[in-house]
Structure formats: structure tokens, C-alpha cells
Amino acid sequence: MKMGVVFPQTEIGSDPAMIAKFATTAESLGYDHILAYDHVLGANTESRPDWQGPYTTKSMFQEPFVLFGYLAGLTRTIELVTGVIILPQRQTALVAKQAACVDVISNGRLRLGIGTGWNEVEYEALDANFHDRGVRSEEQIDLLRRLWKDEAISYDGRWHKITDAGLNPLPVEKHIPIWLGGMAPQVIDRVARIADGWFPFATKKLKHHIEQMHEKAKAAGRDPASIGIECIIPANTTVERLKDLGDLGVTHVAVLTMNQELPDAQSHIDAIGQTRDTLASAF
């Protein structure tokens, strides 16, 4: 099982030195990857008294591609993972360009997790349609892969048109793994048909959801074992829990230190070290 850490977006602060220290410490401890969440805008709850979302204008988020551009130059081996980029609220060709450049400057260390999101406020601000985001993401995935593979393409889809144009540079392997986030039935179906991997929630229904995905993958003519599965786990997770997840088919986990009342950035760094020691036998 691969084990990474979740970059503590909302709690680490904005000091570049501490951001760098978190990443380089994770790498030196032997973690396999750093996973970063994504939000472009936060809603102001003063004008939204019924707001139910977990993030607001008070929630800090470093932009993942910019963050990874910074961390790529400070690290050498650790994988850089978006978990997840809200793809349908972004221009597809621009995401393809940003991802390709991060992949190149990190020597092929990018894994692109994508999702459709839940925050209509962001979609409005980015002038994107919130209501067709799921089906539109499938065309986006197809276009990303074509842009990464060939020097120039022509594409005439439902939402995208490119006439004999392409990216430069291309990704190191002319391919970047695309993993999907979400637990809705349509997401599970999409994972089974077209994704390289999946970020499900580690709930009591995880076994059932994995079985569903595997059945759908077989129906689509794919080997379920070829589809990676990553779960977010709290820093106090036990070795026994990791073994249980592995038995279910989980291939990757990422340790979460946010929402544990840690007082500062150094506390997050200390926490991933303590978790590394506790889970050493599972690495």
C-alpha cells in the first residue's frame, strides 16, 4: 500500500518556508505522495446564513498547480497529487497545459485527481455551468488525454473545439494518471469505465462501493485490479485499520492532520512524523 499525506491547506498558513518544510519533511520520512485539495473561491457566509458547505472565505487554499510548481523544485521523489481539481469549472486546455508543465518540471511526478465539486458559488464566478458538470467532465477527460498524447490534435466535441493545435511541452510519458473523486452512482460508473484510479470515502459502505466499481469495470472489459483506490485516513489510524483497507482493495492512503485542533504549521509537521512512526510496519 502506498502512503501519502494530505497537504493541510486550511491550517498550514501562508509562510513559504513552512510550506516547503512540510513537503520536504514528508519526503524525508518516506511518504509516497502529497495530496492537495482544491477550491478557487470561498463563499462569504455573512450573506448566506443557511450555508452548509465546509469551506468559506475564511478557509485558505493554495492553488494546487502553483503549489506543486513550487514543491517540484524542493523535492525529488515524492508524488504530487491533486485530490481533487474541480475540473468542470476550469478551461480544459488550460488544465492540460498546467498539468503538463507540472509533470515536466517534477520529472513525471504528477497524478491528477479530478472531481465535479459541490460549490455553485465557484462555478458562477468562473462562468461555468454547474448543472452539466458531470457529463461534461467525461469529454474533458477525453480531451486531456488527447492533448497530452499528440503534438497537435483536432477535436470537435459537444463542449470543446480545437483545430490542429497542441501543447508544448507534453508530459514526460505523454500520459498523466487521472483519478476521480466522488461516491455518487454516476461517479462509480465513470471510474469503472474511464479512470486510472478513484478517491472514495472510507465509510461503512466502502466494501459495497468497491464491489460495485469492480463489477462495472468487468462489464466494461477492464481489469478491476488496474484501477487504483485511495482513501483519506486520520492521523490516528491504526495499522489494523490499514490492513482492513488493504483487504478491501485500497491501494493508497493519505494521512490527514487537519481538523484535529493542531495549533500551528509545525504541529502538522510533527504529526506526520508521529504517524509515520506509528504506522512504520505498514510502509
Foldseek 3Di string as FASTA:
>chain_A
DAEAAEQQFQFADDDPVLLLVLLVLRVVLPHQAYEYEDDDAAADCVVPVPDDDPGHNSGGGDHQLVSLVVNLVSDQGHAYEYPAAQPQLDDLQVVLQSQQVSLVSNVRRYAYEYENDDDVVSSVVSVGDSPCSLVVVVVSVVVSLVQLQDQFDADDDPPDTDDTHHYPPHHPVSDHFYEYEDQDPSRLLCLLQDHQEYEYEPDPCLLVSLVVSCVSNVVNVHHSLRYAYEYEDELPDALVVVVVVVVSPHDYYHYYDPPPPQDHSVSVSVSVSVSCVRNVVVD
